[in-house]
PDB file of N, CA and C in Angstrom:
ATOM      1  N   UNK A   1     134.485 141.661 122.945  1.00  0.00           N
ATOM      2  CA  UNK A   1     133.602 141.868 124.003  1.00  0.00           C
ATOM      3  C   UNK A   1     132.444 142.723 124.276  1.00  0.00           C
ATOM      4  N   UNK A   2     131.517 142.550 124.717  1.00  0.00           N
ATOM      5  CA  UNK A   2     130.111 143.377 124.885  1.00  0.00           C
ATOM      6  C   UNK A   2     130.662 144.242 126.136  1.00  0.00           C
ATOM      7  N   UNK A   3     130.371 144.674 126.754  1.00  0.00           N
ATOM      8  CA  UNK A   3     129.848 145.595 127.721  1.00  0.00           C
ATOM      9  C   UNK A   3     128.332 145.111 128.065  1.00  0.00           C
ATOM     10  N   UNK A   4     127.791 145.014 129.370  1.00  0.00           N
ATOM     11  CA  UNK A   4     126.731 144.401 129.434  1.00  0.00           C
ATOM     12  C   UNK A   4     126.072 145.488 130.916  1.00  0.00           C
ATOM     13  N   UNK A   5     125.502 146.481 130.720  1.00  0.00           N
ATOM     14  CA  UNK A   5     124.950 147.483 131.919  1.00  0.00           C
ATOM     15  C   UNK A   5     123.782 146.148 132.687  1.00  0.00           C
ATOM     16  N   UNK A   6     124.417 146.463 133.890  1.00  0.00           N
ATOM     17  CA  UNK A   6     123.338 146.377 134.975  1.00  0.00           C
ATOM     18  C   UNK A   6     122.447 146.903 135.814  1.00  0.00           C
ATOM     19  N   UNK A   7     121.339 146.182 136.352  1.00  0.00           N
ATOM     20  CA  UNK A   7     121.211 147.280 137.561  1.00  0.00           C
ATOM     21  C   UNK A   7     120.325 146.320 138.418  1.00  0.00           C
ATOM     22  N   UNK A   8     120.256 147.367 139.732  1.00  0.00           N
ATOM     23  CA  UNK A   8     119.798 146.900 140.991  1.00  0.00           C
ATOM     24  C   UNK A   8     118.576 146.303 141.105  1.00  0.00           C
ATOM     25  N   UNK A   9     117.096 145.596 140.708  1.00  0.00           N
ATOM     26  CA  UNK A   9     115.590 145.463 141.286  1.00  0.00           C
ATOM     27  C   UNK A   9     115.331 146.442 142.405  1.00  0.00           C
ATOM     28  N   UNK A  10     114.496 147.107 141.685  1.00  0.00           N
ATOM     29  CA  UNK A  10     114.023 147.743 143.259  1.00  0.00           C
ATOM     30  C   UNK A  10     112.555 147.200 143.771  1.00  0.00           C
ATOM     31  N   UNK A  11     111.872 146.786 144.836  1.00  0.00           N
ATOM     32  CA  UNK A  11     111.430 146.490 145.835  1.00  0.00           C
ATOM     33  C   UNK A  11     109.054 147.018 144.652  1.00  0.00           C
ATOM     34  N   UNK A  12     108.961 145.258 144.474  1.00  0.00           N
ATOM     35  CA  UNK A  12     107.920 145.274 143.550  1.00  0.00           C
ATOM     36  C   UNK A  12     107.952 145.441 142.106  1.00  0.00           C
ATOM     37  N   UNK A  13     109.967 145.345 141.869  1.00  0.00           N
ATOM     38  CA  UNK A  13     109.490 145.938 140.344  1.00  0.00           C
ATOM     39  C   UNK A  13     109.578 144.727 139.601  1.00  0.00           C
ATOM     40  N   UNK A  14     109.116 144.633 138.069  1.00  0.00           N
ATOM     41  CA  UNK A  14     109.380 143.240 137.474  1.00  0.00           C
ATOM     42  C   UNK A  14     109.705 143.877 136.090  1.00  0.00           C
ATOM     43  N   UNK A  15     109.825 142.577 135.287  1.00  0.00           N
ATOM     44  CA  UNK A  15     111.865 142.923 133.874  1.00  0.00           C
ATOM     45  C   UNK A  15     110.158 144.614 133.476  1.00  0.00           C
ATOM     46  N   UNK A  16     109.403 144.057 133.136  1.00  0.00           N
ATOM     47  CA  UNK A  16     108.489 145.255 131.810  1.00  0.00           C
ATOM     48  C   UNK A  16     108.966 147.044 131.973  1.00  0.00           C
ATOM     49  N   UNK A  17     108.472 146.853 134.401  1.00  0.00           N
ATOM     50  CA  UNK A  17     109.016 147.928 135.409  1.00  0.00           C
ATOM     51  C   UNK A  17     110.059 148.831 134.588  1.00  0.00           C
ATOM     52  N   UNK A  18     111.177 147.787 134.807  1.00  0.00           N
ATOM     53  CA  UNK A  18     112.326 148.263 135.022  1.00  0.00           C
ATOM     54  C   UNK A  18     113.020 148.338 133.072  1.00  0.00           C
ATOM     55  N   UNK A  19     112.405 147.464 131.996  1.00  0.00           N
ATOM     56  CA  UNK A  19     112.195 148.000 130.763  1.00  0.00           C
ATOM     57  C   UNK A  19     112.166 149.680 130.644  1.00  0.00           C
ATOM     58  N   UNK A  20     110.477 149.945 131.301  1.00  0.00           N
ATOM     59  CA  UNK A  20     109.826 151.509 130.885  1.00  0.00           C
ATOM     60  C   UNK A  20     111.010 151.878 131.913  1.00  0.00           C
ATOM     61  N   UNK A  21     111.435 151.816 132.678  1.00  0.00           N
ATOM     62  CA  UNK A  21     112.324 152.780 133.353  1.00  0.00           C
ATOM     63  C   UNK A  21     113.405 153.384 132.972  1.00  0.00           C
ATOM     64  N   UNK A  22     114.309 152.331 131.789  1.00  0.00           N
ATOM     65  CA  UNK A  22     115.725 152.798 130.998  1.00  0.00           C
ATOM     66  C   UNK A  22     115.521 152.939 129.870  1.00  0.00           C
ATOM     67  N   UNK A  23     114.169 152.155 129.590  1.00  0.00           N
ATOM     68  CA  UNK A  23     113.726 152.583 127.521  1.00  0.00           C
ATOM     69  C   UNK A  23     113.103 153.546 127.117  1.00  0.00           C
ATOM     70  N   UNK A  24     111.901 154.078 128.746  1.00  0.00           N
ATOM     71  CA  UNK A  24     111.089 155.248 128.245  1.00  0.00           C
ATOM     72  C   UNK A  24     109.594 154.371 127.184  1.00  0.00           C
ATOM     73  N   UNK A  25     109.582 155.172 125.973  1.00  0.00           N
ATOM     74  CA  UNK A  25     108.412 154.333 125.738  1.00  0.00           C
ATOM     75  C   UNK A  25     108.788 153.484 124.239  1.00  0.00           C
ATOM     76  N   UNK A  26     110.061 153.207 124.301  1.00  0.00           N
ATOM     77  CA  UNK A  26     110.884 152.005 123.437  1.00  0.00           C
ATOM     78  C   UNK A  26     110.880 150.640 124.581  1.00  0.00           C
ATOM     79  N   UNK A  27     110.319 150.951 125.449  1.00  0.00           N
ATOM     80  CA  UNK A  27     110.579 149.783 126.303  1.00  0.00           C
ATOM     81  C   UNK A  27     110.253 148.497 125.829  1.00  0.00           C
ATOM     82  N   UNK A  28     108.869 148.314 124.973  1.00  0.00           N
ATOM     83  CA  UNK A  28     108.411 147.341 124.537  1.00  0.00           C
ATOM     84  C   UNK A  28     109.049 146.723 123.488  1.00  0.00           C
ATOM     85  N   UNK A  29     109.906 147.305 122.521  1.00  0.00           N
ATOM     86  CA  UNK A  29     111.347 146.622 121.799  1.00  0.00           C
ATOM     87  C   UNK A  29     112.418 146.536 122.714  1.00  0.00           C
ATOM     88  N   UNK A  30     112.634 146.356 123.709  1.00  0.00           N
ATOM     89  CA  UNK A  30     113.816 146.141 124.696  1.00  0.00           C
ATOM     90  C   UNK A  30     113.376 144.923 125.294  1.00  0.00           C
ATOM     91  N   UNK A  31     111.944 144.904 125.938  1.00  0.00           N
ATOM     92  CA  UNK A  31     111.656 143.471 126.942  1.00  0.00           C
ATOM     93  C   UNK A  31     112.216 142.396 126.363  1.00  0.00           C
ATOM     94  N   UNK A  32     111.962 141.803 124.872  1.00  0.00           N
ATOM     95  CA  UNK A  32     112.230 140.617 125.049  1.00  0.00           C
ATOM     96  C   UNK A  32     114.047 140.337 125.050  1.00  0.00           C
ATOM     97  N   UNK A  33     114.579 140.980 124.743  1.00  0.00           N
ATOM     98  CA  UNK A  33     115.887 141.239 124.918  1.00  0.00           C
ATOM     99  C   UNK A  33     116.479 140.959 126.156  1.00  0.00           C
ATOM    100  N   UNK A  34     116.005 141.993 127.049  1.00  0.00           N
ATOM    101  CA  UNK A  34     115.919 141.727 128.458  1.00  0.00           C
ATOM    102  C   UNK A  34     115.091 140.401 129.327  1.00  0.00           C
ATOM    103  N   UNK A  35     114.485 140.016 128.742  1.00  0.00           N
ATOM    104  CA  UNK A  35     113.802 138.441 129.530  1.00  0.00           C
ATOM    105  C   UNK A  35     114.716 137.534 128.313  1.00  0.00           C
ATOM    106  N   UNK A  36     115.211 137.804 127.800  1.00  0.00           N
ATOM    107  CA  UNK A  36     116.416 136.972 126.762  1.00  0.00           C
ATOM    108  C   UNK A  36     117.906 136.669 127.510  1.00  0.00           C
ATOM    109  N   UNK A  37     118.548 137.821 128.361  1.00  0.00           N
ATOM    110  CA  UNK A  37     119.401 138.016 129.312  1.00  0.00           C
ATOM    111  C   UNK A  37     118.977 138.343 130.181  1.00  0.00           C
ATOM    112  N   UNK A  38     117.912 137.662 131.201  1.00  0.00           N
ATOM    113  CA  UNK A  38     118.018 136.593 132.612  1.00  0.00           C
ATOM    114  C   UNK A  38     116.530 135.870 132.230  1.00  0.00           C
ATOM    115  N   UNK A  39     116.827 134.783 131.995  1.00  0.00           N
ATOM    116  CA  UNK A  39     115.936 133.923 131.809  1.00  0.00           C
ATOM    117  C   UNK A  39     116.062 133.097 133.141  1.00  0.00           C
ATOM    118  N   UNK A  40     116.001 133.568 134.104  1.00  0.00           N
ATOM    119  CA  UNK A  40     116.391 133.135 135.761  1.00  0.00           C
ATOM    120  C   UNK A  40     114.954 133.745 136.164  1.00  0.00           C
ATOM    121  N   UNK A  41     114.482 135.304 135.342  1.00  0.00           N
ATOM    122  CA  UNK A  41     113.622 136.207 136.248  1.00  0.00           C
ATOM    123  C   UNK A  41     112.128 135.597 134.909  1.00  0.00           C
ATOM    124  N   UNK A  42     112.262 134.840 133.854  1.00  0.00           N
ATOM    125  CA  UNK A  42     111.161 134.886 132.765  1.00  0.00           C
ATOM    126  C   UNK A  42     109.450 133.879 133.917  1.00  0.00           C
ATOM    127  N   UNK A  43     109.989 133.047 135.466  1.00  0.00           N
ATOM    128  CA  UNK A  43     108.555 132.710 135.811  1.00  0.00           C
ATOM    129  C   UNK A  43     108.078 133.419 136.953  1.00  0.00           C
ATOM    130  N   UNK A  44     108.989 134.322 137.058  1.00  0.00           N
ATOM    131  CA  UNK A  44     108.745 135.433 138.277  1.00  0.00           C
ATOM    132  C   UNK A  44     107.378 136.367 138.163  1.00  0.00           C
ATOM    133  N   UNK A  45     106.596 136.491 138.798  1.00  0.00           N
ATOM    134  CA  UNK A  45     106.108 138.413 138.436  1.00  0.00           C
ATOM    135  C   UNK A  45     106.960 138.897 138.573  1.00  0.00           C
ATOM    136  N   UNK A  46     107.003 138.793 140.269  1.00  0.00           N
ATOM    137  CA  UNK A  46     107.810 140.295 140.697  1.00  0.00           C
ATOM    138  C   UNK A  46     108.849 139.726 140.988  1.00  0.00           C
ATOM    139  N   UNK A  47     110.275 140.634 140.677  1.00  0.00           N
ATOM    140  CA  UNK A  47     111.695 139.964 141.091  1.00  0.00           C
ATOM    141  C   UNK A  47     111.828 139.995 142.492  1.00  0.00           C
ATOM    142  N   UNK A  48     112.770 139.737 143.070  1.00  0.00           N
ATOM    143  CA  UNK A  48     113.245 139.671 144.491  1.00  0.00           C
ATOM    144  C   UNK A  48     114.185 141.030 144.701  1.00  0.00           C
ATOM    145  N   UNK A  49     114.165 141.872 145.721  1.00  0.00           N
ATOM    146  CA  UNK A  49     114.573 143.070 145.738  1.00  0.00           C
ATOM    147  C   UNK A  49     115.914 142.904 145.791  1.00  0.00           C
ATOM    148  N   UNK A  50     116.817 143.885 144.985  1.00  0.00           N
ATOM    149  CA  UNK A  50     118.250 143.892 144.682  1.00  0.00           C
ATOM    150  C   UNK A  50     119.059 142.975 143.692  1.00  0.00           C
ATOM    151  N   UNK A  51     117.616 142.203 142.788  1.00  0.00           N
ATOM    152  CA  UNK A  51     118.366 141.358 142.025  1.00  0.00           C
ATOM    153  C   UNK A  51     119.436 141.986 141.071  1.00  0.00           C
ATOM    154  N   UNK A  52     120.150 141.558 140.388  1.00  0.00           N
ATOM    155  CA  UNK A  52     121.179 141.864 139.078  1.00  0.00           C
ATOM    156  C   UNK A  52     119.977 141.482 138.105  1.00  0.00           C
ATOM    157  N   UNK A  53     119.566 142.998 137.282  1.00  0.00           N
ATOM    158  CA  UNK A  53     119.187 142.130 135.865  1.00  0.00           C
ATOM    159  C   UNK A  53     120.059 142.584 134.528  1.00  0.00           C
ATOM    160  N   UNK A  54     119.998 141.982 133.793  1.00  0.00           N
ATOM    161  CA  UNK A  54     121.246 142.425 132.754  1.00  0.00           C
ATOM    162  C   UNK A  54     120.554 143.122 131.710  1.00  0.00           C
ATOM    163  N   UNK A  55     120.964 144.237 131.734  1.00  0.00           N
ATOM    164  CA  UNK A  55     120.035 145.445 130.393  1.00  0.00           C
ATOM    165  C   UNK A  55     120.992 145.276 128.640  1.00  0.00           C
ATOM    166  N   UNK A  56     120.398 145.137 128.129  1.00  0.00           N
ATOM    167  CA  UNK A  56     120.753 145.085 126.894  1.00  0.00           C
ATOM    168  C   UNK A  56     121.810 146.337 126.390  1.00  0.00           C
ATOM    169  N   UNK A  57     122.353 146.342 125.813  1.00  0.00           N
ATOM    170  CA  UNK A  57     123.421 147.841 125.653  1.00  0.00           C
ATOM    171  C   UNK A  57     123.237 148.294 123.651  1.00  0.00           C
ATOM    172  N   UNK A  58     122.670 149.439 124.208  1.00  0.00           N
ATOM    173  CA  UNK A  58     122.320 150.154 123.707  1.00  0.00           C
ATOM    174  C   UNK A  58     122.640 151.868 123.472  1.00  0.00           C
ATOM    175  N   UNK A  59     122.410 152.294 122.302  1.00  0.00           N
ATOM    176  CA  UNK A  59     123.203 154.044 122.362  1.00  0.00           C
ATOM    177  C   UNK A  59     121.674 155.318 122.431  1.00  0.00           C
ATOM    178  N   UNK A  60     120.630 154.436 122.561  1.00  0.00           N
ATOM    179  CA  UNK A  60     119.866 155.460 122.605  1.00  0.00           C
ATOM    180  C   UNK A  60     119.416 154.993 124.296  1.00  0.00           C
ATOM    181  N   UNK A  61     118.426 156.682 124.170  1.00  0.00           N
ATOM    182  CA  UNK A  61     117.864 156.400 125.396  1.00  0.00           C
ATOM    183  C   UNK A  61     116.242 156.945 126.014  1.00  0.00           C
ATOM    184  N   UNK A  62     116.474 156.871 127.184  1.00  0.00           N
ATOM    185  CA  UNK A  62     114.620 157.406 127.151  1.00  0.00           C
ATOM    186  C   UNK A  62     114.500 158.494 126.888  1.00  0.00           C
ATOM    187  N   UNK A  63     112.880 159.347 126.300  1.00  0.00           N
ATOM    188  CA  UNK A  63     113.249 160.879 126.232  1.00  0.00           C
ATOM    189  C   UNK A  63     112.921 160.820 127.589  1.00  0.00           C
ATOM    190  N   UNK A  64     112.990 162.584 127.692  1.00  0.00           N
ATOM    191  CA  UNK A  64     113.355 162.977 129.119  1.00  0.00           C
ATOM    192  C   UNK A  64     112.239 163.869 128.492  1.00  0.00           C
ATOM    193  N   UNK A  65     111.377 163.923 129.416  1.00  0.00           N
ATOM    194  CA  UNK A  65     110.311 165.181 128.731  1.00  0.00           C
ATOM    195  C   UNK A  65     111.231 166.552 129.812  1.00  0.00           C
ATOM    196  N   UNK A  66     110.849 168.413 128.804  1.00  0.00           N
ATOM    197  CA  UNK A  66     111.488 169.294 129.244  1.00  0.00           C
ATOM    198  C   UNK A  66     110.894 169.957 129.921  1.00  0.00           C
ATOM    199  N   UNK A  67     110.747 170.757 130.992  1.00  0.00           N
ATOM    200  CA  UNK A  67     109.974 171.637 131.494  1.00  0.00           C
ATOM    201  C   UNK A  67     109.919 172.687 130.787  1.00  0.00           C
ATOM    202  N   UNK A  68     108.647 173.225 130.947  1.00  0.00           N
ATOM    203  CA  UNK A  68     108.243 174.570 130.654  1.00  0.00           C
ATOM    204  C   UNK A  68     108.377 175.703 131.025  1.00  0.00           C
ATOM    205  N   UNK A  69     109.281 176.936 130.795  1.00  0.00           N
ATOM    206  CA  UNK A  69     109.704 178.286 130.863  1.00  0.00           C
ATOM    207  C   UNK A  69     109.089 179.061 130.745  1.00  0.00           C
ATOM    208  N   UNK A  70     108.874 179.004 131.736  1.00  0.00           N
ATOM    209  CA  UNK A  70     106.978 180.584 131.888  1.00  0.00           C
ATOM    210  C   UNK A  70     108.391 182.135 131.241  1.00  0.00           C
ATOM    211  N   UNK A  71     108.984 182.273 132.326  1.00  0.00           N
ATOM    212  CA  UNK A  71     109.448 183.349 132.034  1.00  0.00           C
ATOM    213  C   UNK A  71     111.499 182.734 131.546  1.00  0.00           C
ATOM    214  N   UNK A  72     112.572 183.803 131.533  1.00  0.00           N
ATOM    215  CA  UNK A  72     113.732 183.550 131.106  1.00  0.00           C
ATOM    216  C   UNK A  72     114.563 183.658 132.524  1.00  0.00           C
TER     217      UNK A  72
END
């Protein structure tokens, strides 16, 4: 059994914006899978608010920028 992650779309969200929010710089690699998992949204440019979007399961996370510490 595969566990699927879901998220709710925000105002003016697109599938590629959701992909970037969750997968960062690797979003282009995950976007085709997100489109495949959510065929009901392919004809739409902007998703309806609070739509449930299925995300592919992955063990990688988006790179988080680290802050530069000037002092310890």
